[in-house]
Amino acid sequence: MNIQDIHNLFLQCKSVSIDTRKIEKDSMFFAIKGENFDANTFAVKALELGALFVIIDNASFAIDKRTILVENSLETLQELARFHRAYLKLPIIALTGSNGKTTTKELINVVISKKYKTKATVGNLNNHIGVPLTLLSFTKETEIGIVEMGANHKKEIEFLCEIAQPDYGYITNFGKAHLEGFGGVEGVIQGKSEMYQYLAKNDKVAFVNLEDSIQIEKSKGIKSFTFGVNNNTADINIKDIKANPFVAIQYDNFSVESNLIGLYNANNINVAVAIGHYFKVTDEDIKQAIENYIPENNRSQLLRIDSNQIILDAYNANPSSMAVAITNFLQLENLNKVMILGDMFELGDESHQEHKLIIESLLDQEKSVCYLIGKYFYENKVNKDNLKFFETFDDFVTFIKTISFKENTILIKGSRGMALERTLEYIK
């Protein structure tokens, strides 16, 4: 069966699923093999749970005409997504980068949905499976699609762009993330810039932050729409940015007071404003959309527990995002500051050095107590009264049960694997 025939079957379905635990009635189920399982074995269950069709790549699990045998289920999912994208012919905005992708995607979505029927990547489904699933969620009613793209090695963004075929692209930044897979910072820059290469080759448009010299250099020769601070050459001029702790930005004709914490969120807001302007969303609607956006899922959330104010940014961490989070936190106007920082993962050979650099950046500050958790921080521990090291989260819990937090401003940040949101139940 060719891809057009499979697409015709797909159009009869209400959704696509790859997990029988989340399957929807009248969906198309793709049996994708994992490292530790073969989803072909769930073909019967998928049909019993209401799937209309099941895509399999093992003939042993064929049942009837509802099971479609292909050579490779994952590759068929990707090919179907590419075909469906061409079938819809809708404009697509793609974004990638080391930090801030999901928050930026959410901001862009709330802004342009003020004028258009939009659909965006759900959560962080941004890899070789997530991007196809996002594209297949778009329908004839979708007027603009927003696709987040993640990568941990070179050629991944190139591959995802060939599937999604974006008309517009944005790179949030080039930071120290997934260094192990990219082989260092230069590898990160090369890998993320694959989006620019796609846009250039296909005569598409890049949204560019003129405060980022790498973006300026890598986007040369590409049609662009820009934003910058006190820059009259920029399409969107930013007059002033403040964060204490919420980000407030003054533009030429209006201002925004967001619910996002930290100067590192300013560019996430700025590009959403720029894209809103590009698509002719009114200033009033842009302002309303951003000011009504409330972050969630442990991303730059401001919480209050008893007398303590907590900045919870525990969804993820890398050296770049950790450094800016600390810098922003230290400039807040509060004398009772506490930092709870967890290990950063996927840094490969750079892990020891990058954790050491974070510790060194804390040595000269005396205004906050810092608890550093995890084996990478612990192996770099130093003797300093206001820096306290714990090899495991359990060790930290044992300690934290012996103290009381009162009237503190607390930053919690670490990689997803550290799950530092668990700390909240001990802050009393």
Protein backbone atom coordinates (compact mmCIF):
# COMPACT_ATOMS: atom_id res chain seq x y z
CA MET A 1 0.00 0.00 0.00
CA ASN A 2 1.48 3.36 -1.01
CA ILE A 3 1.57 6.47 1.19
CA GLN A 4 -1.37 8.11 -0.56
CA ASP A 5 -3.55 5.08 0.17
CA ILE A 6 -2.44 5.14 3.81
CA HIS A 7 -3.21 8.87 3.92
CA ASN A 8 -6.73 8.17 2.63
CA LEU A 9 -7.21 5.76 5.52
CA PHE A 10 -5.71 8.30 7.92
CA LEU A 11 -8.30 10.88 6.84
CA GLN A 12 -10.99 8.50 8.07
CA CYS A 13 -9.43 8.55 11.54
CA LYS A 14 -9.80 11.11 14.31
CA SER A 15 -6.22 10.95 15.56
CA VAL A 16 -2.93 9.04 15.57
CA SER A 17 -1.61 6.99 18.46
CA ILE A 18 1.61 5.17 19.28
CA ASP A 19 0.67 4.09 22.83
CA THR A 20 -2.29 1.83 23.62
CA ARG A 21 -2.44 3.36 27.11
CA LYS A 22 -3.47 6.67 25.50
CA ILE A 23 -5.31 5.38 22.46
CA GLU A 24 -8.43 7.19 21.24
CA LYS A 25 -11.46 5.70 19.55
CA ASP A 26 -11.32 5.78 15.72
CA SER A 27 -7.58 6.47 15.70
CA MET A 28 -4.76 5.12 13.53
CA PHE A 29 -2.29 3.19 15.67
CA PHE A 30 1.37 2.91 14.62
CA ALA A 31 3.19 -0.11 16.05
CA ILE A 32 6.65 1.37 16.57
CA LYS A 33 9.43 -0.79 17.99
CA GLY A 34 11.25 0.49 21.07
CA GLU A 35 14.52 -0.57 22.65
CA ASN A 36 12.75 -2.92 25.04
CA PHE A 37 9.47 -3.77 23.32
CA ASP A 38 7.82 -4.52 19.98
CA ALA A 39 4.56 -2.57 19.63
CA ASN A 40 3.43 -5.00 16.93
CA THR A 41 2.39 -7.21 19.81
CA PHE A 42 -0.24 -4.61 20.75
CA ALA A 43 -2.02 -4.69 17.37
CA VAL A 44 -4.98 -6.72 18.63
CA LYS A 45 -5.29 -4.60 21.77
CA ALA A 46 -5.24 -1.39 19.73
CA LEU A 47 -8.16 -2.60 17.63
CA GLU A 48 -10.03 -3.76 20.73
CA LEU A 49 -9.58 -0.29 22.24
CA GLY A 50 -11.15 1.37 19.21
CA ALA A 51 -8.42 1.97 16.62
CA LEU A 52 -9.77 1.95 13.06
CA PHE A 53 -6.45 0.89 11.53
CA VAL A 54 -3.14 -0.41 12.81
CA ILE A 55 0.15 0.09 10.97
CA ILE A 56 2.43 -2.92 11.57
CA ASP A 57 5.84 -3.92 10.21
CA ASN A 58 5.77 -7.58 11.28
CA ALA A 59 3.56 -9.85 9.14
CA SER A 60 3.11 -12.26 12.07
CA PHE A 61 0.70 -9.78 13.66
CA ALA A 62 -1.55 -9.24 10.63
CA ILE A 63 -5.21 -9.76 11.53
CA ASP A 64 -7.43 -8.50 8.72
CA LYS A 65 -7.72 -5.52 6.39
CA ARG A 66 -7.59 -3.23 9.45
CA THR A 67 -3.89 -4.08 9.92
CA ILE A 68 -1.70 -2.42 7.28
CA LEU A 69 1.65 -4.10 6.75
CA VAL A 70 4.56 -1.76 5.92
CA GLU A 71 8.31 -2.18 5.81
CA ASN A 72 8.98 0.13 8.78
CA SER A 73 6.26 1.63 10.98
CA LEU A 74 8.35 4.59 12.19
CA GLU A 75 9.47 5.56 8.71
CA THR A 76 5.86 5.26 7.50
CA LEU A 77 4.74 7.60 10.30
CA GLN A 78 7.34 10.14 9.19
CA GLU A 79 6.49 9.74 5.50
CA LEU A 80 2.78 10.10 6.25
CA ALA A 81 3.45 13.31 8.21
CA ARG A 82 5.42 14.75 5.28
CA PHE A 83 2.63 13.81 2.86
CA HIS A 84 -0.05 15.28 5.13
CA ARG A 85 1.91 18.51 5.52
CA ALA A 86 2.06 18.87 1.71
CA TYR A 87 -1.63 17.96 1.47
CA LEU A 88 -2.67 20.74 3.86
CA LYS A 89 -0.40 23.43 2.37
CA LEU A 90 -0.73 25.57 5.53
CA PRO A 91 1.99 27.96 6.76
CA ILE A 92 4.20 26.40 9.42
CA ILE A 93 6.41 28.13 11.98
CA ALA A 94 9.23 25.95 13.31
CA LEU A 95 11.51 26.69 16.24
CA THR A 96 14.51 25.09 17.86
CA GLY A 97 17.34 26.14 20.17
CA SER A 98 19.15 25.16 23.36
CA ASN A 99 16.85 26.85 25.88
CA GLY A 100 13.33 28.21 26.00
CA LYS A 101 11.80 26.30 23.10
CA THR A 102 8.61 25.18 24.81
CA THR A 103 7.88 28.50 26.53
CA THR A 104 8.53 30.35 23.26
CA LYS A 105 6.25 27.95 21.39
CA GLU A 106 3.47 28.50 23.91
CA LEU A 107 3.84 32.29 23.71
CA ILE A 108 3.79 32.29 19.91
CA ASN A 109 0.70 30.11 20.01
CA VAL A 110 -1.29 32.32 22.38
CA VAL A 111 -0.36 35.42 20.39
CA ILE A 112 -1.21 34.32 16.86
CA SER A 113 -4.26 32.34 18.00
CA LYS A 114 -5.78 35.76 18.69
CA LYS A 115 -6.25 36.05 14.92
CA TYR A 116 -5.85 32.57 13.42
CA LYS A 117 -6.90 29.00 14.14
CA THR A 118 -3.58 27.60 15.27
CA LYS A 119 -2.27 24.27 16.45
CA ALA A 120 1.07 23.71 18.13
CA THR A 121 3.28 20.94 19.44
CA VAL A 122 1.76 19.50 22.60
CA GLY A 123 4.19 19.53 25.53
CA ASN A 124 7.66 18.75 24.23
CA LEU A 125 6.80 16.20 21.50
CA ASN A 126 9.64 17.61 19.45
CA ASN A 127 11.73 14.69 18.18
CA HIS A 128 11.66 12.28 15.22
CA ILE A 129 8.38 10.85 16.54
CA GLY A 130 6.88 13.96 18.15
CA VAL A 131 7.22 16.20 15.09
CA PRO A 132 5.32 13.76 12.82
CA LEU A 133 2.62 13.39 15.48
CA THR A 134 2.32 17.18 15.65
CA LEU A 135 1.99 17.50 11.87
CA LEU A 136 -0.65 14.77 11.79
CA SER A 137 -2.68 16.68 14.39
CA PHE A 138 -3.13 19.56 11.93
CA THR A 139 -6.39 19.60 9.95
CA LYS A 140 -8.03 21.56 7.13
CA GLU A 141 -9.32 23.91 9.85
CA THR A 142 -5.76 24.71 11.03
CA GLU A 143 -4.66 28.06 9.61
CA ILE A 144 -1.13 28.18 11.06
CA GLY A 145 0.90 25.30 12.53
CA ILE A 146 3.63 25.75 15.13
CA VAL A 147 6.23 22.98 15.37
CA GLU A 148 8.85 22.70 18.11
CA MET A 149 12.00 20.80 17.13
CA GLY A 150 14.45 19.32 19.59
CA ALA A 151 17.79 17.76 18.81
CA ASN A 152 20.69 16.15 20.62
CA HIS A 153 22.95 15.48 17.63
CA LYS A 154 23.83 16.93 14.23
CA LYS A 155 21.59 16.34 11.19
CA GLU A 156 18.51 15.94 13.40
CA ILE A 157 17.12 19.43 12.72
CA GLU A 158 17.87 18.97 9.03
CA PHE A 159 15.84 15.75 9.08
CA LEU A 160 12.92 17.31 10.97
CA CYS A 161 12.84 20.31 8.61
CA GLU A 162 12.60 17.99 5.63
CA ILE A 163 9.52 16.43 7.23
CA ALA A 164 7.84 19.63 8.46
CA GLN A 165 8.95 21.89 5.57
CA PRO A 166 8.58 25.11 7.62
CA ASP A 167 7.82 28.45 5.99
CA TYR A 168 9.20 30.36 8.99
CA GLY A 169 11.89 29.50 11.49
CA TYR A 170 13.35 30.73 14.77
CA ILE A 171 16.32 29.59 16.85
CA THR A 172 15.99 30.64 20.48
CA ASN A 173 19.74 30.50 21.20
CA PHE A 174 22.89 28.40 20.94
CA GLY A 175 23.75 27.20 24.44
CA LYS A 176 25.56 24.44 26.27
CA ALA A 177 22.88 21.78 25.92
CA HIS A 178 23.28 18.13 24.82
CA LEU A 179 27.03 18.66 24.53
CA GLU A 180 27.59 14.91 24.64
CA GLY A 181 25.59 14.30 21.46
CA PHE A 182 26.70 17.41 19.58
CA GLY A 183 30.36 17.08 20.50
CA GLY A 184 30.70 20.53 22.05
CA VAL A 185 29.35 24.05 21.63
CA GLU A 186 30.48 24.35 18.00
CA GLY A 187 28.53 21.20 17.27
CA VAL A 188 25.46 22.75 18.92
CA ILE A 189 25.78 25.82 16.67
CA GLN A 190 26.17 23.68 13.56
CA GLY A 191 23.28 21.42 14.50
CA LYS A 192 20.78 24.16 15.33
CA SER A 193 21.83 26.20 12.26
CA GLU A 194 20.54 23.41 10.05
CA MET A 195 17.21 25.23 10.33
CA TYR A 196 18.74 28.34 8.76
CA GLN A 197 20.19 26.21 5.98
CA TYR A 198 16.75 24.80 5.22
CA LEU A 199 15.17 28.28 5.20
CA ALA A 200 17.89 29.64 2.91
CA LYS A 201 17.66 26.73 0.48
CA ASN A 202 13.89 27.08 0.22
CA ASP A 203 13.67 30.90 0.23
CA LYS A 204 11.76 31.01 3.54
CA VAL A 205 11.75 33.52 6.42
CA ALA A 206 13.78 33.55 9.66
CA PHE A 207 12.88 35.49 12.78
CA VAL A 208 16.17 36.84 14.14
CA ASN A 209 17.22 38.29 17.50
CA LEU A 210 19.67 41.10 16.73
CA GLU A 211 21.08 40.84 20.28
CA ASP A 212 22.54 37.43 19.37
CA SER A 213 25.68 37.73 17.24
CA ILE A 214 25.53 34.05 16.27
CA GLN A 215 21.98 34.42 14.95
CA ILE A 216 23.05 37.47 12.94
CA GLU A 217 26.02 35.63 11.44
CA LYS A 218 24.24 32.36 10.69
CA SER A 219 21.15 34.00 9.17
CA LYS A 220 23.02 36.12 6.64
CA GLY A 221 21.42 35.97 3.19
CA ILE A 222 18.09 34.70 4.52
CA LYS A 223 14.88 36.71 4.37
CA SER A 224 14.35 37.84 7.94
CA PHE A 225 12.10 39.70 10.36
CA THR A 226 14.09 41.04 13.31
CA PHE A 227 13.86 42.36 16.85
CA GLY A 228 16.44 44.18 18.94
CA VAL A 229 16.98 46.50 21.90
CA ASN A 230 17.16 50.21 21.08
CA ASN A 231 17.87 49.25 17.50
CA ASN A 232 16.18 51.38 14.86
CA THR A 233 17.12 48.89 12.15
CA ALA A 234 15.05 46.16 13.81
CA ASP A 235 11.52 45.44 12.66
CA ILE A 236 10.50 45.34 16.34
CA ASN A 237 12.32 47.80 18.59
CA ILE A 238 12.54 47.09 22.32
CA LYS A 239 13.05 50.17 24.49
CA ASP A 240 13.39 48.67 27.95
CA ILE A 241 13.40 45.29 29.73
CA LYS A 242 13.01 44.73 33.45
CA ALA A 243 12.61 41.63 35.63
CA ASN A 244 11.94 41.87 39.34
CA PRO A 245 10.95 39.10 39.31
CA PHE A 246 8.42 39.23 36.43
CA VAL A 247 9.54 40.31 32.96
CA ALA A 248 8.17 43.69 31.83
CA ILE A 249 9.04 45.04 28.37
CA GLN A 250 8.46 48.41 26.73
CA TYR A 251 8.11 48.49 22.95
CA ASP A 252 7.66 51.50 20.67
CA ASN A 253 3.88 51.59 20.92
CA PHE A 254 2.91 49.44 23.92
CA SER A 255 4.23 47.62 26.97
CA VAL A 256 3.86 44.08 28.32
CA GLU A 257 3.90 42.94 31.95
CA SER A 258 4.21 39.17 31.88
CA ASN A 259 3.83 36.35 34.39
CA LEU A 260 7.24 34.99 33.38
CA ILE A 261 10.21 35.21 35.71
CA GLY A 262 13.78 36.06 34.73
CA LEU A 263 15.46 38.17 32.07
CA TYR A 264 16.16 34.95 30.16
CA ASN A 265 12.46 34.90 29.29
CA ALA A 266 12.58 38.33 27.64
CA ASN A 267 13.58 37.03 24.22
CA ASN A 268 10.87 34.37 24.40
CA ILE A 269 8.38 37.21 24.76
CA ASN A 270 10.11 39.40 22.18
CA VAL A 271 9.93 36.85 19.39
CA ALA A 272 6.25 36.18 20.14
CA VAL A 273 5.64 39.92 19.79
CA ALA A 274 7.66 40.00 16.56
CA ILE A 275 5.78 37.07 15.06
CA GLY A 276 2.49 38.59 16.16
CA HIS A 277 3.38 41.78 14.31
CA TYR A 278 4.50 39.84 11.27
CA PHE A 279 1.11 38.15 11.08
CA LYS A 280 -0.77 41.45 11.70
CA VAL A 281 -2.05 40.68 15.18
CA THR A 282 -2.98 43.96 16.92
CA ASP A 283 -0.84 45.39 19.73
CA GLU A 284 -3.81 45.12 22.07
CA ASP A 285 -4.28 41.42 21.31
CA ILE A 286 -0.55 40.71 21.61
CA LYS A 287 -0.41 42.44 24.98
CA GLN A 288 -3.47 40.61 26.26
CA ALA A 289 -2.23 37.21 25.08
CA ILE A 290 1.17 37.52 26.75
CA GLU A 291 -0.10 39.05 29.97
CA ASN A 292 -2.66 36.26 30.35
CA TYR A 293 -0.13 33.48 29.77
CA ILE A 294 0.67 31.54 32.96
CA PRO A 295 3.68 29.17 32.85
CA GLU A 296 3.26 25.63 34.12
CA ASN A 297 5.00 22.24 34.17
CA ASN A 298 7.81 23.45 36.48
CA ARG A 299 8.92 26.16 34.02
CA SER A 300 9.64 29.56 35.60
CA GLN A 301 6.69 29.26 37.95
CA LEU A 302 6.30 31.60 40.91
CA LEU A 303 4.80 29.78 43.89
CA ARG A 304 4.17 30.64 47.51
CA ILE A 305 4.46 28.15 50.36
CA ASP A 306 3.74 29.66 53.76
CA SER A 307 5.96 32.76 53.98
CA ASN A 308 8.29 31.64 51.18
CA GLN A 309 8.31 32.81 47.57
CA ILE A 310 9.57 30.08 45.22
CA ILE A 311 10.83 30.28 41.66
CA LEU A 312 10.36 26.74 40.34
CA ASP A 313 12.37 26.16 37.17
CA ALA A 314 12.98 22.45 37.50
CA TYR A 315 11.84 21.20 34.11
CA ASN A 316 15.35 21.17 32.68
CA ALA A 317 18.83 22.63 33.02
CA ASN A 318 22.07 23.02 31.10
CA PRO A 319 25.09 25.28 31.75
CA SER A 320 23.62 28.18 29.76
CA SER A 321 20.18 28.16 31.35
CA MET A 322 21.62 27.52 34.82
CA ALA A 323 23.99 30.49 34.53
CA VAL A 324 21.31 32.97 33.45
CA ALA A 325 18.88 31.68 36.08
CA ILE A 326 21.47 32.27 38.81
CA THR A 327 22.43 35.70 37.47
CA ASN A 328 18.81 36.78 37.31
CA PHE A 329 18.07 35.41 40.78
CA LEU A 330 20.99 37.22 42.39
CA GLN A 331 19.84 40.59 41.05
CA LEU A 332 16.39 40.27 42.67
CA GLU A 333 15.69 42.74 45.45
CA ASN A 334 15.45 40.34 48.34
CA LEU A 335 17.89 39.72 51.18
CA ASN A 336 16.75 36.21 52.15
CA LYS A 337 17.74 34.17 49.11
CA VAL A 338 18.13 30.41 48.84
CA MET A 339 19.20 28.44 45.77
CA ILE A 340 18.50 24.71 45.42
CA LEU A 341 20.41 23.54 42.34
CA GLY A 342 20.59 20.05 40.87
CA ASP A 343 22.98 18.31 38.49
CA MET A 344 22.90 19.04 34.75
CA PHE A 345 22.82 15.98 32.49
CA GLU A 346 23.91 15.04 28.95
CA LEU A 347 27.14 17.04 29.10
CA GLY A 348 29.49 14.13 28.33
CA ASP A 349 33.18 14.88 28.84
CA GLU A 350 32.33 18.50 29.69
CA SER A 351 30.26 17.56 32.74
CA HIS A 352 32.98 17.93 35.37
CA GLN A 353 34.19 21.28 34.04
CA GLU A 354 30.71 22.77 33.55
CA HIS A 355 29.60 21.92 37.09
CA LYS A 356 32.88 23.34 38.40
CA LEU A 357 32.24 26.60 36.52
CA ILE A 358 28.78 26.94 38.05
CA ILE A 359 30.27 26.48 41.52
CA GLU A 360 32.99 29.04 40.79
CA SER A 361 30.34 31.56 39.74
CA LEU A 362 28.83 31.23 43.24
CA LEU A 363 32.04 31.68 45.24
CA ASP A 364 31.98 35.49 45.38
CA GLN A 365 28.34 35.91 46.30
CA GLU A 366 27.56 36.09 50.00
CA LYS A 367 23.88 37.05 49.94
CA SER A 368 22.36 33.62 49.44
CA VAL A 369 22.64 30.09 50.75
CA CYS A 370 23.06 27.53 47.98
CA TYR A 371 22.31 23.81 48.22
CA LEU A 372 23.92 21.83 45.38
CA ILE A 373 22.56 18.35 44.80
CA GLY A 374 23.89 15.43 42.75
CA LYS A 375 27.10 13.53 42.11
CA TYR A 376 28.48 16.01 39.55
CA PHE A 377 28.22 18.99 41.88
CA TYR A 378 29.39 16.84 44.78
CA GLU A 379 32.60 15.76 43.05
CA ASN A 380 33.48 19.47 42.71
CA LYS A 381 32.53 20.49 46.25
CA VAL A 382 34.40 23.27 48.01
CA ASN A 383 34.55 24.41 51.62
CA LYS A 384 32.46 27.55 51.82
CA ASP A 385 29.92 28.29 54.54
CA ASN A 386 27.05 29.28 52.26
CA LEU A 387 27.58 26.46 49.72
CA LYS A 388 26.34 23.07 50.90
CA PHE A 389 26.77 19.89 48.84
CA PHE A 390 24.70 16.68 48.81
CA GLU A 391 25.62 13.65 46.72
CA THR A 392 22.02 12.42 46.43
CA PHE A 393 18.54 13.87 46.72
CA ASP A 394 17.90 11.58 49.68
CA ASP A 395 20.91 13.10 51.47
CA PHE A 396 19.41 16.55 50.84
CA VAL A 397 16.00 15.46 52.14
CA THR A 398 17.59 14.17 55.35
CA PHE A 399 19.16 17.58 55.85
CA ILE A 400 16.23 19.73 54.79
CA LYS A 401 13.95 18.03 57.32
CA THR A 402 16.10 19.53 60.06
CA ILE A 403 15.72 23.17 59.02
CA SER A 404 12.90 25.66 58.54
CA PHE A 405 12.43 28.09 55.66
CA LYS A 406 10.83 31.41 56.60
CA GLU A 407 10.36 34.50 54.44
CA ASN A 408 12.84 33.29 51.83
CA THR A 409 12.93 33.72 48.08
CA ILE A 410 13.97 30.31 46.76
CA LEU A 411 15.23 29.29 43.31
CA ILE A 412 14.84 25.60 42.42
CA LYS A 413 16.59 24.52 39.21
CA GLY A 414 18.02 21.27 37.87
CA SER A 415 17.80 18.79 35.03
CA ARG A 416 14.58 16.83 34.53
CA GLY A 417 16.19 13.67 35.85
CA MET A 418 16.79 15.36 39.21
CA ALA A 419 13.03 15.99 39.68
CA LEU A 420 13.72 18.83 42.10
CA GLU A 421 10.05 19.75 42.27
CA ARG A 422 10.02 17.06 44.95
CA THR A 423 11.63 19.67 47.19
CA LEU A 424 8.35 21.58 47.48
CA GLU A 425 6.85 19.17 50.00
CA TYR A 426 9.75 19.83 52.39
CA ILE A 427 9.67 23.64 52.27
CA LYS A 428 7.56 24.55 55.29
